[in-house]
């Protein structure tokens, strides 16, 4: 994952927090408690939201909750309509550009020159055909959005079912399920939990720490040739698990003090961002295997013993 992809993932995560915060205010039938600027000031104080993240979460929450009455008209300057990438017809190629469009980033001078060019001359019926095609594509997009929401709903239901307490005989001690144990770890959400249970179910059932760190790409590879010896990142692994564990470790460093301290210690020793996150993920996998073996949920005090070990 390059630097721009990481930036997109971080910006999307902050926008999702703004979206969830706003959706709590957009319950059906509720009036808007304040203007958009006042809500942005509240979000900046409560969840440290930036303007770009808030604007993206604003549109996101309105579309999810179908509260189009919350939209506000764009400001006008000297009686002229403000031009944005969206009005120009710029198609975002990734989530970073999409957030920029939602943030109403001003158009560059080159775009203004494009708008001043003479309009294209097309055959009769071309405009109507283009409108019909756009309407068909919009309907497909709505269908995809509905399907994505349905998949998320079913995934949540499956995860809740797997994490629900197992039935035990009267008098027997209650045992936590693997899904409930993994879900209690900091940084583990819906996608990370589902990926671990689906892609590494054998290693999870066997509580095999070495197999899990190999499958996820956390375990490094040592290459020797003559007198040379170098340690490199493992390439032979499950890319789905690698991506899931990467986000797991990154979110854990943001919400867990011990993981953040571990990440800072590795960075201070000269390791790269990716290497530091793999070090955090390695310790989290060790904690997860220990929890699975003892059938207990996450306890920060017990985890501190493993997190304090050197890399």
Foldseek 3Di string as FASTA:
>chain_A
DDPVVVVLVVLVVLLVVLLVVVLVQLDPPHDDPDALVVVVVVCCVPVVHDLLSNLSSVVVNCVVSVVVVNDDDDDDDPPDDFDACVNLPNDDPDSVVVSVRSSRPHDDPVSVVVVPDDDDDDDPPPVVVVVVVVVVVVVVVVVVVVVVVVVVVVLVVVLCVQQDWDDDDPPDDTFGGLSVQVCLDQLDDSLLSVCCCPVVVVCLVVLPLVVLCVQLQLDWDWDDDDPDIDIGTDDPHDPSSVVSLLSSLVRCLVPPVLSVVQLVVVVVVPDDNSNSSSVSSSLVSVVSSVCSVVRHHDDVVVSNVSSPDDD
